[in-house]
C-alpha atoms as a PDB file:
ATOM      1  CA  MET A   1      -0.013  -0.029  -0.024  1.00  0.00           C
ATOM      2  CA  LYS A   2       1.387   3.420  -0.979  1.00  0.00           C
ATOM      3  CA  LYS A   3       1.957   5.972   1.716  1.00  0.00           C
ATOM      4  CA  TYR A   4       0.574   9.358   0.630  1.00  0.00           C
ATOM      5  CA  LEU A   5       1.567  11.457   3.622  1.00  0.00           C
ATOM      6  CA  GLU A   6       4.619  10.975   5.675  1.00  0.00           C
ATOM      7  CA  GLY A   7       5.501  12.853   8.844  1.00  0.00           C
ATOM      8  CA  THR A   8       3.125  14.732  11.085  1.00  0.00           C
ATOM      9  CA  TYR A   9       0.878  17.756  10.648  1.00  0.00           C
ATOM     10  CA  LYS A  10       3.810  19.871  11.847  1.00  0.00           C
ATOM     11  CA  THR A  11       5.978  18.932   8.859  1.00  0.00           C
ATOM     12  CA  LEU A  12       3.333  19.314   6.139  1.00  0.00           C
ATOM     13  CA  PRO A  13       3.305  22.526   4.106  1.00  0.00           C
ATOM     14  CA  LEU A  14       0.407  24.999   4.636  1.00  0.00           C
ATOM     15  CA  ALA A  15      -2.155  24.987   1.872  1.00  0.00           C
ATOM     16  CA  GLY A  16      -5.450  26.872   1.454  1.00  0.00           C
ATOM     17  CA  LEU A  17      -4.830  29.103   4.516  1.00  0.00           C
ATOM     18  CA  VAL A  18      -7.336  31.900   4.913  1.00  0.00           C
ATOM     19  CA  GLU A  19      -5.673  34.525   6.980  1.00  0.00           C
ATOM     20  CA  GLU A  20      -8.343  37.224   7.153  1.00  0.00           C
ATOM     21  CA  ALA A  21     -12.048  37.762   6.587  1.00  0.00           C
ATOM     22  CA  GLY A  22     -13.287  39.309   3.421  1.00  0.00           C
ATOM     23  CA  THR A  23     -10.820  37.593   1.066  1.00  0.00           C
ATOM     24  CA  ALA A  24     -13.564  37.543  -1.693  1.00  0.00           C
ATOM     25  CA  GLU A  25     -12.620  41.180  -2.212  1.00  0.00           C
ATOM     26  CA  ASN A  26      -9.724  39.959  -4.184  1.00  0.00           C
ATOM     27  CA  TYR A  27     -11.769  37.795  -6.572  1.00  0.00           C
ATOM     28  CA  ASN A  28     -14.793  38.541  -8.790  1.00  0.00           C
ATOM     29  CA  THR A  29     -16.956  35.561  -7.842  1.00  0.00           C
ATOM     30  CA  GLY A  30     -20.386  37.084  -8.587  1.00  0.00           C
ATOM     31  CA  GLY A  31     -20.946  34.895 -11.600  1.00  0.00           C
ATOM     32  CA  TRP A  32     -20.951  31.703  -9.526  1.00  0.00           C
ATOM     33  CA  GLY A  33     -24.533  31.813  -8.159  1.00  0.00           C
ATOM     34  CA  VAL A  34     -27.945  31.171  -9.595  1.00  0.00           C
ATOM     35  CA  PHE A  35     -29.701  33.599  -7.272  1.00  0.00           C
ATOM     36  CA  LYS A  36     -28.942  37.216  -6.358  1.00  0.00           C
ATOM     37  CA  PRO A  37     -30.108  39.400  -3.487  1.00  0.00           C
ATOM     38  CA  VAL A  38     -32.164  42.474  -4.164  1.00  0.00           C
ATOM     39  CA  PHE A  39     -31.976  45.202  -1.549  1.00  0.00           C
ATOM     40  CA  LYS A  40     -35.100  47.175  -0.617  1.00  0.00           C
ATOM     41  CA  PRO A  41     -33.860  50.296   1.245  1.00  0.00           C
ATOM     42  CA  GLU A  42     -37.374  51.484   2.095  1.00  0.00           C
ATOM     43  CA  ILE A  43     -37.902  48.367   4.248  1.00  0.00           C
ATOM     44  CA  CYS A  44     -34.428  48.141   5.780  1.00  0.00           C
ATOM     45  CA  ILE A  45     -34.106  48.949   9.523  1.00  0.00           C
ATOM     46  CA  GLN A  46     -30.326  49.226   9.322  1.00  0.00           C
ATOM     47  CA  CYS A  47     -29.626  46.429  11.795  1.00  0.00           C
ATOM     48  CA  LEU A  48     -26.568  45.361   9.742  1.00  0.00           C
ATOM     49  CA  PHE A  49     -27.263  41.668  10.233  1.00  0.00           C
ATOM     50  CA  CYS A  50     -26.790  41.152   6.482  1.00  0.00           C
ATOM     51  CA  TRP A  51     -23.380  42.858   6.620  1.00  0.00           C
ATOM     52  CA  VAL A  52     -22.332  40.757   9.617  1.00  0.00           C
ATOM     53  CA  TYR A  53     -23.381  37.376   8.094  1.00  0.00           C
ATOM     54  CA  CYS A  54     -22.234  37.960   4.459  1.00  0.00           C
ATOM     55  CA  PRO A  55     -19.226  35.679   3.888  1.00  0.00           C
ATOM     56  CA  ASP A  56     -18.203  37.625   0.775  1.00  0.00           C
ATOM     57  CA  SER A  57     -18.079  41.218   1.960  1.00  0.00           C
ATOM     58  CA  SER A  58     -20.797  41.961  -0.567  1.00  0.00           C
ATOM     59  CA  ILE A  59     -22.968  44.213   1.594  1.00  0.00           C
ATOM     60  CA  LEU A  60     -21.819  47.802   0.947  1.00  0.00           C
ATOM     61  CA  THR A  61     -22.188  50.325   3.773  1.00  0.00           C
ATOM     62  CA  GLU A  62     -21.610  54.046   4.117  1.00  0.00           C
ATOM     63  CA  GLY A  63     -21.794  55.870   7.429  1.00  0.00           C
ATOM     64  CA  GLY A  64     -22.878  52.737   9.250  1.00  0.00           C
ATOM     65  CA  LYS A  65     -25.866  52.078   6.932  1.00  0.00           C
ATOM     66  CA  VAL A  66     -26.437  49.522   4.171  1.00  0.00           C
ATOM     67  CA  VAL A  67     -26.497  51.228   0.849  1.00  0.00           C
ATOM     68  CA  ALA A  68     -26.135  48.460  -1.819  1.00  0.00           C
ATOM     69  CA  ILE A  69     -24.963  44.971  -2.759  1.00  0.00           C
ATOM     70  CA  ASP A  70     -21.694  44.289  -4.557  1.00  0.00           C
ATOM     71  CA  TYR A  71     -22.816  41.827  -7.301  1.00  0.00           C
ATOM     72  CA  GLU A  72     -19.236  41.369  -8.579  1.00  0.00           C
ATOM     73  CA  HIS A  73     -18.430  39.452  -5.314  1.00  0.00           C
ATOM     74  CA  CYS A  74     -21.837  38.089  -4.174  1.00  0.00           C
ATOM     75  CA  LYS A  75     -22.209  34.367  -4.802  1.00  0.00           C
ATOM     76  CA  GLY A  76     -25.920  34.332  -4.037  1.00  0.00           C
ATOM     77  CA  CYS A  77     -25.783  32.197  -0.908  1.00  0.00           C
ATOM     78  CA  GLY A  78     -28.830  33.908   0.599  1.00  0.00           C
ATOM     79  CA  LEU A  79     -27.506  34.357   4.154  1.00  0.00           C
ATOM     80  CA  CYS A  80     -28.229  38.113   4.011  1.00  0.00           C
ATOM     81  CA  SER A  81     -31.885  37.493   3.186  1.00  0.00           C
ATOM     82  CA  LYS A  82     -32.241  34.617   5.684  1.00  0.00           C
ATOM     83  CA  GLU A  83     -30.832  36.673   8.595  1.00  0.00           C
ATOM     84  CA  CYS A  84     -32.828  39.878   7.731  1.00  0.00           C
ATOM     85  CA  PRO A  85     -35.223  40.402  10.670  1.00  0.00           C
ATOM     86  CA  THR A  86     -37.752  42.595   8.880  1.00  0.00           C
ATOM     87  CA  LYS A  87     -41.275  41.176   8.669  1.00  0.00           C
ATOM     88  CA  PRO A  88     -43.630  40.524   6.954  1.00  0.00           C
ATOM     89  CA  GLU A  89     -41.484  41.539   4.005  1.00  0.00           C
ATOM     90  CA  LYS A  90     -37.713  41.140   3.937  1.00  0.00           C
ATOM     91  CA  ALA A  91     -35.384  44.137   3.067  1.00  0.00           C
ATOM     92  CA  ILE A  92     -33.279  41.691   1.095  1.00  0.00           C
ATOM     93  CA  ILE A  93     -34.976  39.098  -1.104  1.00  0.00           C
ATOM     94  CA  MET A  94     -33.386  36.473  -3.336  1.00  0.00           C
ATOM     95  CA  VAL A  95     -34.322  36.349  -7.033  1.00  0.00           C
ATOM     96  CA  LYS A  96     -33.194  34.030  -9.751  1.00  0.00           C
ATOM     97  CA  LYS A  97     -30.596  35.515 -12.084  1.00  0.00           C
ATOM     98  CA  ASP A  98     -31.188  35.840 -15.753  1.00  0.00           C
ATOM     99  CA  LEU A  99     -28.609  33.392 -17.034  1.00  0.00           C
END
């Protein structure tokens, strides 16, 4: 049987290390998703939950308020919409992209 890894975790080279949050800023990954978030500023209560939960730094803010969504980096995961506490209508809804 062939041995694929020799040594211990201490001797293996690092690979795929994410050193800081927001690394999607360096990559245009917006084309990956099938869905995209649509921001409704008239419904938004500025809780910033969407900004906190977004794994791609796609929620754009100015002066501590949500102003837009960066579609060049948003992968369409839907976390922003899921965590939005506004009811009965969400301030961020997910819609299918025109592919």
